[in-house]
């Protein structure tokens, strides 16, 4: 009886560990669109302390570069194509980004909010 009880406790502990770490390593996906040299949405709200994957779709015919000094990211996006940018869990705050080839119009903010 004692062995069965220990095995049940081990199984419960294993299940609890698996469920709790799944939330820690969850990746949330968000879309950004570049159209007519502007980002849509201009302000993208995401939760704090969560890994983020951004899919950036360039619907223009011309090339653009996603650039962010705050996020320490830059990536070329050919016309009519998409890229993916993975971001680590971030602290709450605003993180600006822009299109390097159209910095006057292609501007945005990644707003990281506490859950």
C-alpha atoms as a PDB file:
ATOM      1  CA  UNK A   1       0.000   0.000   0.000  1.00  0.00           C
ATOM      2  CA  UNK A   2       2.829   2.373   0.827  1.00  0.00           C
ATOM      3  CA  UNK A   3       4.457   1.821  -2.613  1.00  0.00           C
ATOM      4  CA  UNK A   4       1.183   2.590  -4.418  1.00  0.00           C
ATOM      5  CA  UNK A   5       0.771   5.791  -2.409  1.00  0.00           C
ATOM      6  CA  UNK A   6       4.339   6.903  -3.279  1.00  0.00           C
ATOM      7  CA  UNK A   7       3.794   6.175  -6.979  1.00  0.00           C
ATOM      8  CA  UNK A   8       0.551   8.159  -7.026  1.00  0.00           C
ATOM      9  CA  UNK A   9       2.320  11.111  -5.394  1.00  0.00           C
ATOM     10  CA  UNK A  10       5.119  10.915  -7.966  1.00  0.00           C
ATOM     11  CA  UNK A  11       2.591  10.957 -10.813  1.00  0.00           C
ATOM     12  CA  UNK A  12       0.737  13.928  -9.321  1.00  0.00           C
ATOM     13  CA  UNK A  13       4.007  15.817  -8.860  1.00  0.00           C
ATOM     14  CA  UNK A  14       5.053  15.063 -12.434  1.00  0.00           C
ATOM     15  CA  UNK A  15       1.721  16.279 -13.848  1.00  0.00           C
ATOM     16  CA  UNK A  16       1.870  19.449 -11.752  1.00  0.00           C
ATOM     17  CA  UNK A  17       5.422  20.159 -12.928  1.00  0.00           C
ATOM     18  CA  UNK A  18       4.505  19.672 -16.580  1.00  0.00           C
ATOM     19  CA  UNK A  19       1.450  21.917 -16.345  1.00  0.00           C
ATOM     20  CA  UNK A  20       3.240  24.719 -14.514  1.00  0.00           C
ATOM     21  CA  UNK A  21       6.229  24.831 -16.892  1.00  0.00           C
ATOM     22  CA  UNK A  22       3.969  24.851 -19.943  1.00  0.00           C
ATOM     23  CA  UNK A  23       2.639  28.277 -18.946  1.00  0.00           C
ATOM     24  CA  UNK A  24       6.137  29.628 -18.335  1.00  0.00           C
ATOM     25  CA  UNK A  25       7.311  28.651 -21.818  1.00  0.00           C
ATOM     26  CA  UNK A  26       4.153  29.607 -23.715  1.00  0.00           C
ATOM     27  CA  UNK A  27       4.740  31.690 -26.833  1.00  0.00           C
ATOM     28  CA  UNK A  28       2.034  34.108 -27.932  1.00  0.00           C
ATOM     29  CA  UNK A  29       1.834  35.056 -31.600  1.00  0.00           C
ATOM     30  CA  UNK A  30       0.867  38.472 -32.952  1.00  0.00           C
ATOM     31  CA  UNK A  31       0.624  39.947 -36.447  1.00  0.00           C
ATOM     32  CA  UNK A  32       1.974  43.268 -37.715  1.00  0.00           C
ATOM     33  CA  UNK A  33       1.205  44.454 -41.227  1.00  0.00           C
ATOM     34  CA  UNK A  34       3.154  46.942 -43.312  1.00  0.00           C
ATOM     35  CA  UNK A  35       0.870  48.575 -45.864  1.00  0.00           C
ATOM     36  CA  UNK A  36       1.473  51.841 -47.719  1.00  0.00           C
ATOM     37  CA  UNK A  37       4.648  52.264 -45.639  1.00  0.00           C
ATOM     38  CA  UNK A  38       2.802  52.185 -42.295  1.00  0.00           C
ATOM     39  CA  UNK A  39       2.538  49.595 -39.532  1.00  0.00           C
ATOM     40  CA  UNK A  40      -0.896  48.210 -38.599  1.00  0.00           C
ATOM     41  CA  UNK A  41      -1.689  48.292 -35.782  1.00  0.00           C
ATOM     42  CA  UNK A  42       0.483  51.263 -34.863  1.00  0.00           C
ATOM     43  CA  UNK A  43       0.247  50.256 -31.207  1.00  0.00           C
ATOM     44  CA  UNK A  44       0.368  46.536 -30.479  1.00  0.00           C
ATOM     45  CA  UNK A  45      -0.468  45.541 -26.899  1.00  0.00           C
ATOM     46  CA  UNK A  46       1.075  42.342 -25.516  1.00  0.00           C
ATOM     47  CA  UNK A  47       1.329  40.846 -22.017  1.00  0.00           C
ATOM     48  CA  UNK A  48       4.445  41.322 -19.911  1.00  0.00           C
ATOM     49  CA  UNK A  49       6.800  38.483 -19.016  1.00  0.00           C
ATOM     50  CA  UNK A  50       5.648  36.308 -21.924  1.00  0.00           C
ATOM     51  CA  UNK A  51       7.653  35.160 -24.926  1.00  0.00           C
ATOM     52  CA  UNK A  52       6.273  36.798 -28.088  1.00  0.00           C
ATOM     53  CA  UNK A  53       6.477  35.807 -31.744  1.00  0.00           C
ATOM     54  CA  UNK A  54       5.736  38.627 -34.183  1.00  0.00           C
ATOM     55  CA  UNK A  55       4.741  37.790 -37.736  1.00  0.00           C
ATOM     56  CA  UNK A  56       5.450  40.897 -39.811  1.00  0.00           C
ATOM     57  CA  UNK A  57       3.727  40.937 -43.212  1.00  0.00           C
ATOM     58  CA  UNK A  58       5.002  43.416 -45.784  1.00  0.00           C
ATOM     59  CA  UNK A  59       2.101  44.005 -48.161  1.00  0.00           C
ATOM     60  CA  UNK A  60       3.996  46.701 -50.075  1.00  0.00           C
ATOM     61  CA  UNK A  61       5.922  45.921 -53.257  1.00  0.00           C
ATOM     62  CA  UNK A  62       9.066  47.546 -51.856  1.00  0.00           C
ATOM     63  CA  UNK A  63      11.485  46.202 -49.277  1.00  0.00           C
ATOM     64  CA  UNK A  64      11.295  47.437 -45.674  1.00  0.00           C
ATOM     65  CA  UNK A  65      13.424  46.910 -42.604  1.00  0.00           C
ATOM     66  CA  UNK A  66      11.871  46.325 -39.192  1.00  0.00           C
ATOM     67  CA  UNK A  67      14.111  48.183 -36.760  1.00  0.00           C
ATOM     68  CA  UNK A  68      13.897  48.723 -33.012  1.00  0.00           C
ATOM     69  CA  UNK A  69      16.636  50.101 -30.818  1.00  0.00           C
ATOM     70  CA  UNK A  70      14.482  49.371 -27.745  1.00  0.00           C
ATOM     71  CA  UNK A  71      14.049  45.705 -28.701  1.00  0.00           C
ATOM     72  CA  UNK A  72      17.533  45.388 -30.214  1.00  0.00           C
ATOM     73  CA  UNK A  73      16.130  43.939 -33.433  1.00  0.00           C
ATOM     74  CA  UNK A  74      16.459  44.692 -37.132  1.00  0.00           C
ATOM     75  CA  UNK A  75      15.330  42.521 -39.975  1.00  0.00           C
ATOM     76  CA  UNK A  76      14.858  43.042 -43.716  1.00  0.00           C
ATOM     77  CA  UNK A  77      11.409  42.228 -45.093  1.00  0.00           C
ATOM     78  CA  UNK A  78      11.232  41.862 -48.876  1.00  0.00           C
ATOM     79  CA  UNK A  79       8.135  43.200 -50.622  1.00  0.00           C
ATOM     80  CA  UNK A  80       5.042  40.995 -50.453  1.00  0.00           C
ATOM     81  CA  UNK A  81       6.551  38.624 -47.906  1.00  0.00           C
ATOM     82  CA  UNK A  82       6.704  37.976 -44.187  1.00  0.00           C
ATOM     83  CA  UNK A  83       9.232  37.438 -41.425  1.00  0.00           C
ATOM     84  CA  UNK A  84       9.000  36.181 -37.870  1.00  0.00           C
ATOM     85  CA  UNK A  85      10.645  37.890 -34.925  1.00  0.00           C
ATOM     86  CA  UNK A  86      10.833  36.129 -31.568  1.00  0.00           C
ATOM     87  CA  UNK A  87      11.063  38.331 -28.492  1.00  0.00           C
ATOM     88  CA  UNK A  88      11.951  37.238 -24.976  1.00  0.00           C
ATOM     89  CA  UNK A  89       9.657  37.995 -22.037  1.00  0.00           C
ATOM     90  CA  UNK A  90       9.611  41.783 -21.632  1.00  0.00           C
ATOM     91  CA  UNK A  91       9.024  44.109 -18.694  1.00  0.00           C
ATOM     92  CA  UNK A  92       6.021  46.463 -18.866  1.00  0.00           C
ATOM     93  CA  UNK A  93       6.588  49.589 -20.950  1.00  0.00           C
ATOM     94  CA  UNK A  94       6.575  50.980 -24.466  1.00  0.00           C
ATOM     95  CA  UNK A  95       9.093  49.697 -27.017  1.00  0.00           C
ATOM     96  CA  UNK A  96       9.256  51.696 -30.247  1.00  0.00           C
ATOM     97  CA  UNK A  97       9.937  50.273 -33.701  1.00  0.00           C
ATOM     98  CA  UNK A  98      10.055  51.739 -37.199  1.00  0.00           C
ATOM     99  CA  UNK A  99      10.651  50.950 -40.842  1.00  0.00           C
ATOM    100  CA  UNK A 100      14.164  52.092 -41.619  1.00  0.00           C
ATOM    101  CA  UNK A 101      13.411  52.840 -45.279  1.00  0.00           C
ATOM    102  CA  UNK A 102      10.294  54.909 -44.415  1.00  0.00           C
ATOM    103  CA  UNK A 103      10.949  56.215 -40.887  1.00  0.00           C
ATOM    104  CA  UNK A 104       8.582  59.189 -41.240  1.00  0.00           C
ATOM    105  CA  UNK A 105       5.503  57.019 -41.808  1.00  0.00           C
ATOM    106  CA  UNK A 106       6.387  53.463 -40.704  1.00  0.00           C
ATOM    107  CA  UNK A 107       6.386  53.851 -36.926  1.00  0.00           C
ATOM    108  CA  UNK A 108       4.905  51.767 -34.155  1.00  0.00           C
ATOM    109  CA  UNK A 109       4.927  50.909 -30.485  1.00  0.00           C
ATOM    110  CA  UNK A 110       4.949  47.532 -28.801  1.00  0.00           C
ATOM    111  CA  UNK A 111       3.080  48.257 -25.569  1.00  0.00           C
ATOM    112  CA  UNK A 112       3.861  45.638 -22.935  1.00  0.00           C
ATOM    113  CA  UNK A 113       1.202  45.510 -20.220  1.00  0.00           C
ATOM    114  CA  UNK A 114       1.028  43.768 -16.868  1.00  0.00           C
ATOM    115  CA  UNK A 115      -1.491  40.919 -17.020  1.00  0.00           C
END
